[in-house]
Amino acid sequence: MINLTFSSPTAARRSRATQNALRALAPLMIVLASLLAGCNEHAPLRENSNAQNAVLTQSKMQELAPAEGTFTGKMVMKRKKSDVAYDCTIIFTREIQTVRSPTSPTETVDQPGLTASLEFAVFQGLTPGEFESIASNYQELIRPLGLSPRAASSAGNYSPTTRSLGFGYTVSGDSQPGDFGKISGRLSEDGTRFIGKWTARQLGRVGQFELVKQK
């Protein structure tokens, strides 16, 4: 007894259509497989790069450690008749800021840095109205501060080799490029004192200081 199996024309057409579709998808599948393989190849490189960046970040944070702290003392301001000293506080804080990678705009990197601020005891705790009511009595302070009660910056700088420390700052309403004022100086060898000067655009050196680091 002989069994014969016949395929219908419809089934044959479907089989040919499936084969044609698979042939059409073959180049795309090859490209996809290549991309996946490339991703797998680059993954260890990215992991290694991330590990290196983490080590460099921690190393930079350690370099900035001596600069971090609260420094207090007198800011000696220049006056026409005689200099006058004001109690002031300069604070440096280490921070890790997330910025765009210089080599890849779509990626971000961790960048250690210093934030800094300069404040005077005579202005601390005042409301804006209270500050305005007494500001005219302290022209030697408010002029280099841009008529503000304090200065702040997210771009502090410290060099471990020279122990130089400082920051530049801008003020609201200033249309000129660059820093409006600068605090610059150097840490003592034991890191307990910050000695330097305060300068401002068009005013030159307006003050000098020797501050002590608080424990």
Protein backbone atom coordinates (compact mmCIF):
# COMPACT_ATOMS: atom_id res chain seq x y z
CA MET A 1 0.00 0.00 0.00
CA ILE A 2 1.44 3.37 -1.03
CA ASN A 3 0.60 6.63 0.85
CA LEU A 4 0.83 9.79 -1.21
CA THR A 5 0.90 13.27 0.41
CA PHE A 6 0.01 16.29 -1.67
CA SER A 7 0.72 19.92 -0.68
CA SER A 8 -1.89 22.46 -1.51
CA PRO A 9 -0.88 25.47 -3.64
CA THR A 10 -1.78 27.78 -0.73
CA ALA A 11 0.59 25.99 1.68
CA ALA A 12 3.38 26.11 -0.87
CA ARG A 13 2.93 29.86 -1.37
CA ARG A 14 3.03 30.38 2.40
CA SER A 15 6.25 28.38 2.69
CA ARG A 16 7.91 30.40 -0.06
CA ALA A 17 6.76 33.66 1.53
CA THR A 18 8.22 32.64 4.90
CA GLN A 19 11.53 31.71 3.27
CA ASN A 20 11.67 35.03 1.41
CA ALA A 21 10.94 36.94 4.65
CA LEU A 22 13.72 35.13 6.45
CA ARG A 23 16.13 35.90 3.62
CA ALA A 24 15.17 39.59 3.80
CA LEU A 25 15.74 39.66 7.57
CA ALA A 26 19.08 37.88 7.38
CA PRO A 27 21.20 41.05 6.78
CA LEU A 28 19.42 42.85 9.62
CA MET A 29 20.02 39.93 11.97
CA ILE A 30 23.70 39.93 11.06
CA VAL A 31 23.96 43.67 11.81
CA LEU A 32 22.11 43.23 15.11
CA ALA A 33 24.36 40.37 16.13
CA SER A 34 27.40 42.50 15.28
CA LEU A 35 26.14 45.39 17.37
CA LEU A 36 25.43 43.13 20.32
CA ALA A 37 28.87 41.62 20.05
CA GLY A 38 30.39 45.11 19.95
CA CYS A 39 28.48 46.11 23.06
CA ASN A 40 29.73 43.02 24.85
CA GLU A 41 33.28 43.80 23.77
CA HIS A 42 33.08 47.43 24.99
CA ALA A 43 31.45 46.59 28.32
CA PRO A 44 34.74 45.53 30.02
CA LEU A 45 36.40 48.68 28.65
CA ARG A 46 33.66 50.88 30.14
CA GLU A 47 33.88 49.06 33.45
CA ASN A 48 37.65 49.54 33.51
CA SER A 49 37.30 53.21 32.62
CA ASN A 50 34.69 53.74 35.35
CA ALA A 51 36.97 52.06 37.89
CA GLN A 52 39.88 54.29 36.89
CA ASN A 53 37.69 57.40 37.13
CA ALA A 54 36.54 56.37 40.61
CA VAL A 55 40.16 55.99 41.76
CA LEU A 56 41.11 59.37 40.29
CA THR A 57 38.08 61.01 41.91
CA GLN A 58 38.97 59.67 45.34
CA SER A 59 42.61 60.69 44.88
CA LYS A 60 41.56 64.24 43.97
CA MET A 61 39.23 64.40 46.96
CA GLN A 62 42.13 63.45 49.21
CA GLU A 63 44.27 66.20 47.66
CA LEU A 64 41.58 68.76 48.49
CA ALA A 65 41.19 67.57 52.10
CA PRO A 66 43.63 70.11 53.68
CA ALA A 67 41.65 72.99 52.15
CA GLU A 68 38.28 71.95 53.54
CA GLY A 69 37.18 73.72 56.68
CA THR A 70 35.94 76.88 58.34
CA PHE A 71 38.45 79.69 58.71
CA THR A 72 37.66 82.60 61.03
CA GLY A 73 39.41 85.81 62.06
CA LYS A 74 39.78 89.44 61.01
CA MET A 75 39.56 90.90 57.54
CA VAL A 76 41.55 94.15 57.63
CA MET A 77 39.90 96.57 55.20
CA LYS A 78 41.61 99.57 53.66
CA ARG A 79 40.16 102.98 54.47
CA LYS A 80 41.28 106.45 53.50
CA LYS A 81 42.02 107.56 57.05
CA SER A 82 42.76 104.26 58.79
CA ASP A 83 42.27 100.56 58.24
CA VAL A 84 39.47 98.76 60.04
CA ALA A 85 39.14 95.05 60.92
CA TYR A 86 35.92 93.04 60.63
CA ASP A 87 35.17 89.55 61.91
CA CYS A 88 34.79 87.26 58.93
CA THR A 89 34.37 83.60 58.05
CA ILE A 90 35.59 81.80 54.94
CA ILE A 91 34.29 78.27 54.40
CA PHE A 92 35.66 75.74 51.91
CA THR A 93 33.73 72.51 51.29
CA ARG A 94 34.72 69.55 49.15
CA GLU A 95 32.08 68.38 46.71
CA ILE A 96 31.80 65.93 43.84
CA GLN A 97 30.02 67.65 40.97
CA THR A 98 28.53 65.76 38.04
CA VAL A 99 29.50 67.38 34.74
CA ARG A 100 29.35 66.39 31.09
CA SER A 101 32.29 64.38 29.84
CA PRO A 102 34.67 66.45 27.68
CA THR A 103 35.14 63.47 25.37
CA SER A 104 31.50 62.34 25.15
CA PRO A 105 28.68 64.91 25.42
CA THR A 106 26.15 62.16 26.12
CA GLU A 107 27.98 60.92 29.22
CA THR A 108 28.71 62.49 32.60
CA VAL A 109 31.73 62.27 34.88
CA ASP A 110 32.36 63.01 38.55
CA GLN A 111 34.54 66.07 39.10
CA PRO A 112 35.81 66.87 42.61
CA GLY A 113 35.93 70.53 43.54
CA LEU A 114 35.61 73.16 46.24
CA THR A 115 32.70 75.41 47.05
CA ALA A 116 33.54 78.53 49.02
CA SER A 117 31.90 81.45 50.77
CA LEU A 118 32.89 84.69 52.50
CA GLU A 119 30.69 86.16 55.23
CA PHE A 120 30.98 88.96 57.78
CA ALA A 121 29.62 88.81 61.31
CA VAL A 122 28.19 92.30 61.01
CA PHE A 123 25.75 91.09 58.30
CA GLN A 124 24.90 87.63 59.59
CA GLY A 125 21.30 86.98 60.59
CA LEU A 126 19.97 90.18 59.00
CA THR A 127 16.85 90.30 56.88
CA PRO A 128 17.20 91.95 53.45
CA GLY A 129 15.51 95.06 54.85
CA GLU A 130 17.83 95.21 57.83
CA PHE A 131 20.87 94.78 55.61
CA GLU A 132 19.78 97.61 53.33
CA SER A 133 19.24 99.90 56.30
CA ILE A 134 22.84 99.58 57.50
CA ALA A 135 24.72 98.76 54.28
CA SER A 136 25.68 102.39 53.58
CA ASN A 137 27.70 102.41 56.82
CA TYR A 138 29.97 99.65 55.47
CA GLN A 139 30.93 100.87 52.01
CA GLU A 140 34.38 99.27 52.26
CA LEU A 141 32.64 95.86 52.59
CA ILE A 142 29.65 96.09 50.28
CA ARG A 143 31.47 97.60 47.30
CA PRO A 144 33.78 94.61 46.74
CA LEU A 145 30.81 92.34 47.54
CA GLY A 146 28.74 93.91 44.76
CA LEU A 147 26.31 95.45 47.29
CA SER A 148 25.59 91.99 48.73
CA PRO A 149 26.04 90.69 52.29
CA ARG A 150 28.23 87.75 51.25
CA ALA A 151 30.19 86.17 48.41
CA ALA A 152 29.93 82.56 47.26
CA SER A 153 31.54 80.40 44.59
CA SER A 154 31.44 76.83 43.28
CA ALA A 155 34.91 77.13 41.77
CA GLY A 156 37.35 77.14 44.65
CA ASN A 157 40.92 76.08 43.90
CA TYR A 158 43.70 74.49 45.92
CA SER A 159 47.21 73.35 44.99
CA PRO A 160 48.76 70.68 47.27
CA THR A 161 52.26 71.51 46.04
CA THR A 162 52.19 75.26 46.74
CA ARG A 163 49.35 75.22 49.32
CA SER A 164 47.75 78.12 47.42
CA LEU A 165 44.03 78.43 48.15
CA GLY A 166 41.28 80.76 47.01
CA PHE A 167 38.25 81.40 44.88
CA GLY A 168 36.80 83.92 42.48
CA TYR A 169 33.19 85.06 42.59
CA THR A 170 30.63 86.87 40.48
CA VAL A 171 27.79 89.11 41.60
CA SER A 172 24.24 89.60 40.40
CA GLY A 173 23.83 92.29 37.77
CA ASP A 174 27.49 92.37 36.73
CA SER A 175 27.61 92.37 32.92
CA GLN A 176 31.37 92.14 32.55
CA PRO A 177 33.00 88.75 31.97
CA GLY A 178 35.25 87.15 34.56
CA ASP A 179 35.36 87.33 38.32
CA PHE A 180 34.05 90.39 40.14
CA GLY A 181 36.31 89.67 43.11
CA LYS A 182 38.83 87.15 44.40
CA ILE A 183 40.02 85.67 47.65
CA SER A 184 43.57 84.36 47.28
CA GLY A 185 46.18 83.16 49.71
CA ARG A 186 48.07 80.20 51.08
CA LEU A 187 47.71 77.66 53.84
CA SER A 188 50.38 77.51 56.52
CA GLU A 189 52.60 74.42 56.53
CA ASP A 190 50.56 72.83 59.29
CA GLY A 191 47.29 73.74 57.55
CA THR A 192 45.89 75.64 60.54
CA ARG A 193 46.04 79.17 59.10
CA PHE A 194 44.88 80.75 55.83
CA ILE A 195 46.78 83.93 54.98
CA GLY A 196 45.97 86.10 51.98
CA LYS A 197 44.25 89.06 50.40
CA TRP A 198 40.91 90.17 49.00
CA THR A 199 40.81 91.94 45.64
CA ALA A 200 37.98 93.30 43.53
CA ARG A 201 37.65 94.56 39.98
CA GLN A 202 38.43 98.26 39.60
CA LEU A 203 39.14 98.47 43.34
CA GLY A 204 42.36 96.47 43.52
CA ARG A 205 43.32 95.06 46.89
CA VAL A 206 40.63 95.91 49.39
CA GLY A 207 41.59 93.73 52.36
CA GLN A 208 44.01 91.26 53.84
CA PHE A 209 43.58 88.48 56.38
CA GLU A 210 45.13 85.80 58.52
CA LEU A 211 42.42 83.34 59.52
CA VAL A 212 42.51 80.31 61.80
CA LYS A 213 40.99 76.96 60.86
CA GLN A 214 38.34 75.82 63.29
CA LYS A 215 38.47 72.25 64.58
